[in-house]
Amino acid sequence: MVSTGAVPNLAFRRLRGQRSAGEFAAAVRRSAREIGEQVACDARYIGRVESGEIRCPNYAYERVFRHMFPGTTLADLGFSPRETVRGRAARATAETPPPPVPHSDTDEESDVLRRVFMTSGTTAMAAATLGPGGTSAAAAAPPDPRRVGEREVGAVEKAVRQIRLLDDRHGGDGLYRRASGPLRAAYALLDSGTATRRSTVDRLHAGAGELAISVGWLAHDSSRFEDARSHYAEALATARVAGDTALEAHAFCNTSFLARDTGRPRESVRAAEAGQRAAQPLGSPRLLALLALREAGGRAGLGDRTGCERAIGRAHTAFGRGPHDADPEWMSFFREAELEMLEAQCWSALGDWSRAARHALRAIRLQDPHFTRNLALYRAELTWDLARAGRAAEAATAGHQVLDLLDRVRSTRIRAMLARAAEVLMPQRGVAEVRDFLERYAELTKAAT
């Protein structure tokens, strides 16, 4: 239903031209895949934009539209400025400044999150927590709690995408506790047993499992390692119950990553190998490449240089086969930049600092600037590798670039990496660049505590 006073978006309608809304939606989805985005665009969404119901797209859609129509601005596309569209609560208090980390930016995102989990007290709390409307979320009409169908399953899947999008921009620290409520609600839907169609049950298992992994990653990124381990185990159990090998491969992938980060390299290797066995029949070379890199990271932690090099070689071979329709949606982050970063971390673990720094620098140059958290991570890795390689001035320059992003990225993991690099650089305070970096780092650290 079009909201009262909506102004039709004639500029966007002109861009559609002679194509039907469905054909244009398909073109949007194709363009999204070209830049590694995932958008659930359909004819209804196009209709909502053209009617003026959606006054401003979310960030993912904005990137897709700008890719489709290079050189255009939101205004050229017929949209309102983002700062004027913040959901009902913000429109009611226009003089209130926005929070430092926005958890939704548009009416379109608000509507999705208000519908996400409304079937119980827990789910209502989750929607209110994640959505920008605060208590206004509770005013949405809840679905029938005795029946789980397309609406509820779709909401779980949209919540997964939303959490991933926000994590890409801001890191896990500010999101973890907010995301735990929707996770409990998703499993409450699963445990209710009210979904009757087999396809619905399968999608609900997959959605709940993916949500567990996403929340586990937020815990991982914010150094809540035991919480992360528990969430990944929950996802693995869900995969096993449902016979979902794709979810199983994902759970093993993240379990391997966590084991590497927490000093359990042998477990990291075993989990990566199990993930590769699960992924083998899925037909995704990129998934096998990522799992091979997880194995390489574990082997580097064991000091097994030969095994690490072999795993890296397999990863490059698989990655070189290119993207495939079977690539999982969650792998949108795994581009050449991430491959370079994971290889850098392997050489770093093996003590080959200069080689690690070369790969970290390549990762930075290849990284899409929209992935703010990853860009900060790559620069932190470069800072560490340069510091350990004895290239103090270069390390300080890279460290400044990390500090430039910390007002937008909340990640305990990245801050810990930077702290280690600062400690290594401390004996080089006589170098002007290092002194400037350490002084700025100390000021920002003090301000954050």
Protein backbone atom coordinates (compact mmCIF):
# COMPACT_ATOMS: atom_id res chain seq x y z
CA MET A 1 0.00 0.00 0.00
CA VAL A 2 1.42 3.40 -1.00
CA SER A 3 1.83 5.73 1.96
CA THR A 4 -0.17 8.96 2.01
CA GLY A 5 1.61 11.77 0.22
CA ALA A 6 4.00 9.53 -1.72
CA VAL A 7 5.39 11.25 -4.81
CA PRO A 8 5.87 8.97 -7.85
CA ASN A 9 9.49 8.53 -8.89
CA LEU A 10 9.24 9.48 -12.56
CA ALA A 11 13.02 9.60 -13.07
CA PHE A 12 13.39 5.96 -12.05
CA ARG A 13 10.40 5.00 -14.21
CA ARG A 14 12.10 6.60 -17.25
CA LEU A 15 15.23 4.54 -16.62
CA ARG A 16 13.16 1.35 -16.82
CA GLY A 17 12.13 2.28 -20.34
CA GLN A 18 10.14 -0.34 -22.26
CA ARG A 19 11.06 -3.21 -19.94
CA SER A 20 8.42 -4.67 -17.66
CA ALA A 21 8.90 -4.32 -13.92
CA GLY A 22 9.80 -8.03 -13.77
CA GLU A 23 12.36 -7.72 -16.58
CA PHE A 24 13.90 -4.68 -14.94
CA ALA A 25 14.06 -6.47 -11.58
CA ALA A 26 15.93 -9.34 -13.27
CA ALA A 27 18.40 -6.82 -14.72
CA VAL A 28 18.93 -5.40 -11.21
CA ARG A 29 19.69 -8.87 -9.83
CA ARG A 30 22.15 -9.56 -12.67
CA SER A 31 23.91 -6.26 -12.05
CA ALA A 32 24.11 -7.04 -8.36
CA ARG A 33 25.86 -10.33 -9.06
CA GLU A 34 28.37 -8.50 -11.27
CA ILE A 35 29.62 -6.49 -8.27
CA GLY A 36 29.18 -9.18 -5.64
CA GLU A 37 25.98 -7.79 -4.08
CA GLN A 38 22.89 -9.78 -3.14
CA VAL A 39 19.51 -8.07 -3.51
CA ALA A 40 16.09 -9.73 -3.49
CA CYS A 41 14.68 -7.47 -6.19
CA ASP A 42 11.34 -8.32 -7.77
CA ALA A 43 8.59 -6.55 -9.69
CA ARG A 44 6.92 -5.51 -6.43
CA TYR A 45 10.07 -3.73 -5.26
CA ILE A 46 10.31 -1.85 -8.57
CA GLY A 47 6.67 -0.86 -8.19
CA ARG A 48 7.28 0.45 -4.67
CA VAL A 49 10.20 2.56 -5.92
CA GLU A 50 8.28 3.98 -8.86
CA SER A 51 5.24 4.77 -6.70
CA GLY A 52 7.43 6.74 -4.30
CA GLU A 53 6.81 4.37 -1.40
CA ILE A 54 10.56 3.74 -1.19
CA ARG A 55 12.04 7.22 -1.02
CA CYS A 56 15.66 6.08 -0.76
CA PRO A 57 17.21 2.63 -1.39
CA ASN A 58 19.43 0.84 1.09
CA TYR A 59 23.17 0.90 0.53
CA ALA A 60 23.27 -2.41 -1.35
CA TYR A 61 20.62 -1.26 -3.83
CA GLU A 62 22.33 2.12 -4.17
CA ARG A 63 25.59 0.42 -5.20
CA VAL A 64 23.73 -1.71 -7.74
CA PHE A 65 21.84 1.21 -9.26
CA ARG A 66 25.03 3.25 -9.56
CA HIS A 67 26.69 0.30 -11.26
CA MET A 68 23.78 0.06 -13.72
CA PHE A 69 23.74 3.80 -14.38
CA PRO A 70 27.33 5.07 -13.98
CA GLY A 71 27.81 8.67 -12.97
CA THR A 72 24.36 9.08 -11.49
CA THR A 73 23.54 10.35 -8.00
CA LEU A 74 20.60 9.38 -5.82
CA ALA A 75 18.92 12.59 -6.92
CA ASP A 76 19.43 11.67 -10.59
CA LEU A 77 17.67 8.39 -9.85
CA GLY A 78 14.75 10.25 -8.34
CA PHE A 79 15.46 9.43 -4.70
CA SER A 80 15.41 11.67 -1.64
CA PRO A 81 18.66 12.46 0.24
CA ARG A 82 19.47 9.64 2.65
CA GLU A 83 19.65 11.97 5.65
CA THR A 84 15.99 12.91 5.17
CA VAL A 85 14.79 9.29 5.19
CA ARG A 86 15.36 7.46 8.47
CA GLY A 87 12.13 5.69 9.32
CA ARG A 88 9.15 6.88 11.30
CA ALA A 89 10.88 7.40 14.61
CA ALA A 90 13.57 9.60 13.15
CA ARG A 91 11.09 11.62 11.10
CA ALA A 92 9.17 12.31 14.29
CA THR A 93 12.30 13.65 15.96
CA ALA A 94 14.05 15.34 13.08
CA GLU A 95 16.25 17.44 15.32
CA THR A 96 17.80 14.39 17.01
CA PRO A 97 21.26 13.59 15.60
CA PRO A 98 21.71 10.10 14.09
CA PRO A 99 23.44 7.39 16.17
CA PRO A 100 27.12 6.71 15.43
CA VAL A 101 26.34 3.33 13.87
CA PRO A 102 23.03 3.31 11.99
CA HIS A 103 21.24 -0.02 12.07
CA SER A 104 18.95 0.80 9.18
CA ASP A 105 18.80 3.70 6.81
CA THR A 106 15.57 3.63 4.87
CA ASP A 107 11.88 2.93 5.05
CA GLU A 108 12.53 -0.14 2.92
CA GLU A 109 14.98 -1.58 5.45
CA SER A 110 12.71 -0.55 8.33
CA ASP A 111 9.79 -2.45 6.86
CA VAL A 112 11.90 -5.58 6.45
CA LEU A 113 13.15 -5.52 10.02
CA ARG A 114 9.75 -4.74 11.51
CA ARG A 115 8.45 -7.89 9.84
CA VAL A 116 11.43 -10.08 10.73
CA PHE A 117 10.49 -11.64 14.05
CA MET A 118 7.09 -10.83 15.48
CA THR A 119 5.74 -14.24 16.50
CA SER A 120 6.57 -14.09 20.22
CA GLY A 121 7.77 -11.82 22.99
CA THR A 122 11.36 -12.73 22.14
CA THR A 123 10.87 -12.00 18.48
CA ALA A 124 9.11 -8.71 19.11
CA MET A 125 12.08 -7.66 21.24
CA ALA A 126 14.43 -8.65 18.42
CA ALA A 127 12.60 -6.58 15.85
CA ALA A 128 12.55 -3.59 18.17
CA THR A 129 16.27 -4.00 18.85
CA LEU A 130 17.43 -4.33 15.26
CA GLY A 131 14.88 -2.04 13.68
CA PRO A 132 15.22 1.76 13.74
CA GLY A 133 11.64 2.30 14.85
CA GLY A 134 12.22 1.39 18.50
CA THR A 135 8.94 0.58 20.21
CA SER A 136 7.08 1.44 17.00
CA ALA A 137 8.18 -1.97 15.73
CA ALA A 138 5.84 -3.61 18.20
CA ALA A 139 2.92 -1.90 16.50
CA ALA A 140 3.32 -4.02 13.37
CA ALA A 141 0.71 -6.73 12.98
CA PRO A 142 2.28 -10.06 13.98
CA PRO A 143 1.82 -13.12 11.78
CA ASP A 144 -0.12 -16.09 13.08
CA PRO A 145 2.23 -17.84 15.57
CA ARG A 146 0.51 -21.16 14.84
CA ARG A 147 1.71 -21.20 11.25
CA VAL A 148 5.19 -20.69 9.79
CA GLY A 149 5.22 -20.02 6.08
CA GLU A 150 6.83 -17.97 3.33
CA ARG A 151 6.56 -14.70 5.23
CA GLU A 152 8.42 -15.93 8.31
CA VAL A 153 11.10 -17.85 6.39
CA GLY A 154 11.69 -14.89 4.09
CA ALA A 155 12.09 -12.67 7.14
CA VAL A 156 14.80 -14.94 8.57
CA GLU A 157 16.66 -14.87 5.26
CA LYS A 158 16.40 -11.08 5.03
CA ALA A 159 17.72 -10.75 8.58
CA VAL A 160 20.82 -12.74 7.59
CA ARG A 161 21.48 -10.42 4.66
CA GLN A 162 20.90 -7.33 6.79
CA ILE A 163 23.35 -8.43 9.47
CA ARG A 164 26.00 -9.19 6.86
CA LEU A 165 25.53 -5.81 5.22
CA LEU A 166 25.87 -3.94 8.51
CA ASP A 167 28.90 -6.04 9.50
CA ASP A 168 30.63 -5.19 6.21
CA ARG A 169 30.29 -1.51 7.05
CA HIS A 170 30.84 -1.40 10.79
CA GLY A 171 32.37 -4.59 12.21
CA GLY A 172 30.95 -6.87 14.87
CA ASP A 173 31.30 -5.01 18.17
CA GLY A 174 28.18 -2.86 17.90
CA LEU A 175 26.00 -5.56 16.37
CA TYR A 176 26.54 -8.78 18.30
CA ARG A 177 24.09 -8.35 21.16
CA ARG A 178 21.45 -6.83 18.88
CA ALA A 179 21.66 -9.85 16.58
CA SER A 180 21.30 -12.45 19.33
CA GLY A 181 17.57 -11.77 19.73
CA PRO A 182 16.68 -12.55 16.10
CA LEU A 183 18.78 -15.71 16.33
CA ARG A 184 16.78 -16.96 19.32
CA ALA A 185 13.60 -16.08 17.49
CA ALA A 186 14.64 -18.00 14.36
CA TYR A 187 15.24 -21.14 16.39
CA ALA A 188 11.94 -20.59 18.19
CA LEU A 189 10.23 -20.69 14.80
CA LEU A 190 12.14 -23.86 13.97
CA ASP A 191 11.29 -25.50 17.28
CA SER A 192 7.62 -24.61 16.99
CA GLY A 193 7.18 -27.33 14.38
CA THR A 194 4.40 -25.38 12.69
CA ALA A 195 6.01 -25.32 9.24
CA THR A 196 4.40 -28.12 7.23
CA ARG A 197 5.77 -27.91 3.68
CA ARG A 198 9.11 -29.69 3.20
CA SER A 199 10.56 -26.79 1.20
CA THR A 200 9.62 -24.36 3.99
CA VAL A 201 11.19 -26.57 6.65
CA ASP A 202 14.40 -26.89 4.63
CA ARG A 203 14.64 -23.14 4.06
CA LEU A 204 13.96 -22.45 7.74
CA HIS A 205 16.74 -24.84 8.78
CA ALA A 206 19.12 -23.21 6.31
CA GLY A 207 18.11 -19.68 7.35
CA ALA A 208 18.44 -20.39 11.07
CA GLY A 209 21.81 -22.06 10.51
CA GLU A 210 23.12 -19.17 8.41
CA LEU A 211 21.89 -16.74 11.04
CA ALA A 212 23.77 -18.72 13.71
CA ILE A 213 26.94 -18.45 11.64
CA SER A 214 26.43 -14.71 11.08
CA VAL A 215 25.92 -14.09 14.79
CA GLY A 216 28.88 -16.36 15.52
CA TRP A 217 31.02 -14.25 13.23
CA LEU A 218 29.95 -11.07 15.03
CA ALA A 219 31.06 -12.73 18.28
CA HIS A 220 34.30 -13.86 16.63
CA ASP A 221 35.05 -10.36 15.29
CA SER A 222 34.44 -8.86 18.73
CA SER A 223 36.68 -11.45 20.46
CA ARG A 224 33.85 -13.32 22.18
CA PHE A 225 35.45 -16.57 21.14
CA GLU A 226 33.49 -19.01 23.30
CA ASP A 227 30.22 -17.47 22.11
CA ALA A 228 31.42 -17.80 18.52
CA ARG A 229 32.39 -21.42 19.05
CA SER A 230 28.92 -22.16 20.47
CA HIS A 231 27.12 -20.47 17.56
CA TYR A 232 29.20 -22.28 14.94
CA ALA A 233 28.52 -25.60 16.69
CA GLU A 234 24.81 -24.79 16.69
CA ALA A 235 24.94 -24.14 12.94
CA LEU A 236 26.80 -27.40 12.35
CA ALA A 237 24.23 -29.34 14.37
CA THR A 238 21.43 -27.70 12.38
CA ALA A 239 23.17 -28.68 9.13
CA ARG A 240 23.55 -32.28 10.24
CA VAL A 241 19.90 -32.56 11.32
CA ALA A 242 18.70 -31.10 8.01
CA GLY A 243 21.20 -32.96 5.82
CA ASP A 244 22.30 -29.59 4.42
CA THR A 245 25.84 -30.03 3.11
CA ALA A 246 26.11 -26.39 1.99
CA LEU A 247 25.38 -25.17 5.53
CA GLU A 248 27.75 -27.83 6.90
CA ALA A 249 30.59 -26.59 4.67
CA HIS A 250 29.96 -23.00 5.81
CA ALA A 251 29.94 -23.99 9.49
CA PHE A 252 33.21 -25.91 9.10
CA CYS A 253 34.74 -22.96 7.23
CA ASN A 254 34.06 -20.57 10.10
CA THR A 255 35.02 -23.14 12.73
CA SER A 256 38.40 -23.52 11.03
CA PHE A 257 38.86 -19.76 10.96
CA LEU A 258 38.04 -19.45 14.65
CA ALA A 259 40.39 -22.31 15.58
CA ARG A 260 43.20 -20.60 13.70
CA ASP A 261 42.55 -17.29 15.45
CA THR A 262 42.47 -18.90 18.90
CA GLY A 263 45.71 -20.85 18.61
CA ARG A 264 44.33 -24.28 17.72
CA PRO A 265 45.93 -24.85 14.31
CA ARG A 266 45.47 -28.62 14.23
CA GLU A 267 41.73 -28.23 14.83
CA SER A 268 41.72 -25.55 12.12
CA VAL A 269 43.18 -28.00 9.60
CA ARG A 270 40.74 -30.78 10.53
CA ALA A 271 37.72 -28.47 10.25
CA ALA A 272 38.91 -27.12 6.88
CA GLU A 273 39.39 -30.64 5.56
CA ALA A 274 35.92 -31.63 6.75
CA GLY A 275 34.53 -28.53 5.05
CA GLN A 276 36.21 -29.48 1.79
CA ARG A 277 34.65 -32.95 1.92
CA ALA A 278 31.21 -31.42 2.48
CA ALA A 279 31.73 -28.84 -0.29
CA GLN A 280 33.06 -31.22 -2.93
CA PRO A 281 29.68 -32.18 -4.45
CA LEU A 282 28.30 -28.62 -4.35
CA GLY A 283 30.01 -27.49 -7.55
CA SER A 284 31.50 -24.22 -6.25
CA PRO A 285 35.22 -23.78 -7.02
CA ARG A 286 35.30 -20.55 -5.02
CA LEU A 287 34.01 -22.33 -1.91
CA LEU A 288 36.72 -24.98 -2.29
CA ALA A 289 39.29 -22.20 -2.72
CA LEU A 290 38.24 -20.52 0.52
CA LEU A 291 38.31 -23.80 2.42
CA ALA A 292 41.77 -24.57 1.03
CA LEU A 293 42.92 -21.20 2.36
CA ARG A 294 41.44 -22.04 5.76
CA GLU A 295 43.50 -25.23 5.68
CA ALA A 296 46.57 -23.24 4.64
CA GLY A 297 46.09 -20.93 7.62
CA GLY A 298 45.97 -23.88 9.98
CA ARG A 299 49.05 -25.47 8.46
CA ALA A 300 50.92 -22.17 8.71
CA GLY A 301 50.06 -22.13 12.41
CA LEU A 302 51.61 -25.58 12.71
CA GLY A 303 54.78 -24.34 10.98
CA ASP A 304 54.08 -26.71 8.06
CA ARG A 305 55.38 -24.55 5.22
CA THR A 306 55.18 -27.27 2.59
CA GLY A 307 51.59 -28.19 3.47
CA CYS A 308 50.66 -24.52 3.57
CA GLU A 309 52.12 -23.87 0.11
CA ARG A 310 50.27 -26.86 -1.33
CA ALA A 311 46.96 -25.67 0.11
CA ILE A 312 47.56 -22.14 -1.22
CA GLY A 313 48.30 -23.64 -4.65
CA ARG A 314 44.99 -25.54 -4.61
CA ALA A 315 43.21 -22.36 -3.57
CA HIS A 316 44.64 -20.39 -6.49
CA THR A 317 43.76 -23.16 -8.94
CA ALA A 318 40.16 -23.36 -7.73
CA PHE A 319 39.77 -19.57 -7.54
CA GLY A 320 41.07 -19.29 -11.10
CA ARG A 321 38.10 -21.28 -12.38
CA GLY A 322 36.04 -18.17 -11.76
CA PRO A 323 32.63 -17.54 -10.21
CA HIS A 324 29.86 -20.11 -10.59
CA ASP A 325 26.10 -20.21 -10.14
CA ALA A 326 26.67 -22.67 -7.29
CA ASP A 327 28.69 -20.15 -5.25
CA PRO A 328 26.88 -19.58 -1.92
CA GLU A 329 25.31 -16.18 -1.29
CA TRP A 330 27.39 -15.65 1.86
CA MET A 331 30.62 -15.74 -0.17
CA SER A 332 30.11 -12.30 -1.73
CA PHE A 333 33.09 -11.06 0.35
CA PHE A 334 35.46 -13.63 -1.17
CA ARG A 335 37.05 -11.79 -4.04
CA GLU A 336 40.65 -11.53 -5.14
CA ALA A 337 41.37 -9.03 -2.37
CA GLU A 338 40.31 -11.54 0.30
CA LEU A 339 42.37 -14.29 -1.33
CA GLU A 340 45.45 -12.03 -1.14
CA MET A 341 44.68 -11.17 2.49
CA LEU A 342 44.35 -14.78 3.58
CA GLU A 343 47.59 -15.64 1.84
CA ALA A 344 49.26 -12.68 3.58
CA GLN A 345 48.15 -14.08 6.92
CA CYS A 346 49.68 -17.45 6.06
CA TRP A 347 53.10 -15.93 5.30
CA SER A 348 52.82 -13.79 8.41
CA ALA A 349 52.19 -16.88 10.55
CA LEU A 350 55.26 -18.49 8.96
CA GLY A 351 57.37 -15.42 9.80
CA ASP A 352 57.92 -14.33 6.19
CA TRP A 353 57.02 -10.72 6.97
CA SER A 354 58.06 -9.01 3.74
CA ARG A 355 56.19 -11.55 1.62
CA ALA A 356 53.15 -11.14 3.86
CA ALA A 357 53.32 -7.36 3.46
CA ARG A 358 53.37 -7.65 -0.35
CA HIS A 359 50.17 -9.69 -0.33
CA ALA A 360 48.49 -7.42 2.23
CA LEU A 361 49.29 -4.39 0.05
CA ARG A 362 47.78 -6.14 -2.97
CA ALA A 363 44.67 -6.88 -0.94
CA ILE A 364 44.29 -3.20 -0.04
CA ARG A 365 44.67 -2.12 -3.66
CA LEU A 366 42.08 -4.65 -4.84
CA GLN A 367 39.53 -4.10 -2.08
CA ASP A 368 36.18 -2.47 -2.82
CA PRO A 369 36.03 0.64 -0.59
CA HIS A 370 32.43 -0.19 0.35
CA PHE A 371 33.73 -3.09 2.49
CA THR A 372 34.94 -0.70 5.18
CA ARG A 373 35.58 -3.31 7.87
CA ASN A 374 37.69 -5.45 5.54
CA LEU A 375 39.65 -2.44 4.35
CA ALA A 376 40.54 -1.60 7.95
CA LEU A 377 41.46 -5.24 8.55
CA TYR A 378 43.77 -5.40 5.54
CA ARG A 379 45.51 -2.19 6.56
CA ALA A 380 45.96 -3.49 10.11
CA GLU A 381 47.55 -6.65 8.70
CA LEU A 382 49.87 -4.53 6.55
CA THR A 383 50.83 -2.42 9.57
CA TRP A 384 51.74 -5.55 11.54
CA ASP A 385 53.72 -7.17 8.72
CA LEU A 386 55.69 -4.01 7.93
CA ALA A 387 56.45 -3.48 11.62
CA ARG A 388 57.74 -7.04 11.98
CA ALA A 389 59.74 -6.66 8.75
CA GLY A 390 61.57 -3.68 10.28
CA ARG A 391 60.00 -1.12 7.92
CA ALA A 392 58.91 1.19 10.71
CA ALA A 393 58.08 4.37 8.77
CA GLU A 394 55.95 2.45 6.24
CA ALA A 395 54.21 0.63 9.07
CA ALA A 396 53.37 3.94 10.74
CA THR A 397 51.85 5.26 7.50
CA ALA A 398 49.68 2.15 7.19
CA GLY A 399 48.73 2.48 10.86
CA HIS A 400 47.47 6.02 10.29
CA GLN A 401 45.20 4.67 7.54
CA VAL A 402 43.70 2.18 9.99
CA LEU A 403 43.08 4.95 12.52
CA ASP A 404 41.29 6.91 9.80
CA LEU A 405 38.66 4.15 9.65
CA LEU A 406 38.19 3.36 13.34
CA ASP A 407 35.44 5.91 13.79
CA ARG A 408 33.36 3.83 11.38
CA VAL A 409 34.51 0.31 12.23
CA ARG A 410 33.93 -1.36 15.59
CA SER A 411 36.02 -4.52 15.67
CA THR A 412 37.93 -5.74 18.70
CA ARG A 413 39.88 -8.01 16.37
CA ILE A 414 41.19 -5.11 14.28
CA ARG A 415 42.01 -3.02 17.35
CA ALA A 416 43.95 -5.95 18.82
CA MET A 417 45.99 -6.29 15.62
CA LEU A 418 46.78 -2.59 15.67
CA ALA A 419 47.75 -2.76 19.36
CA ARG A 420 50.24 -5.54 18.61
CA ALA A 421 51.75 -3.51 15.79
CA ALA A 422 52.03 -0.42 18.01
CA GLU A 423 53.86 -2.49 20.61
CA VAL A 424 56.36 -3.71 18.01
CA LEU A 425 56.91 -0.13 16.81
CA MET A 426 57.46 1.29 20.30
CA PRO A 427 61.28 0.88 20.25
CA GLN A 428 61.32 2.94 17.02
CA ARG A 429 59.83 6.08 18.59
CA GLY A 430 62.85 8.03 17.41
CA VAL A 431 61.54 7.81 13.85
CA ALA A 432 59.32 10.84 13.27
CA GLU A 433 56.60 8.92 11.41
CA VAL A 434 56.45 6.30 14.14
CA ARG A 435 56.27 8.91 16.90
CA ASP A 436 53.38 10.67 15.18
CA PHE A 437 51.50 7.41 14.75
CA LEU A 438 52.04 6.25 18.32
CA GLU A 439 50.92 9.59 19.73
CA ARG A 440 47.77 9.59 17.63
CA TYR A 441 47.11 5.94 18.48
CA ALA A 442 47.46 6.67 22.19
CA GLU A 443 45.05 9.62 21.97
CA LEU A 444 42.38 7.63 20.15
CA THR A 445 42.79 4.66 22.47
CA LYS A 446 42.38 6.89 25.51
CA ALA A 447 39.31 8.56 24.02
CA ALA A 448 37.72 5.16 23.38
CA THR A 449 38.13 3.95 26.99
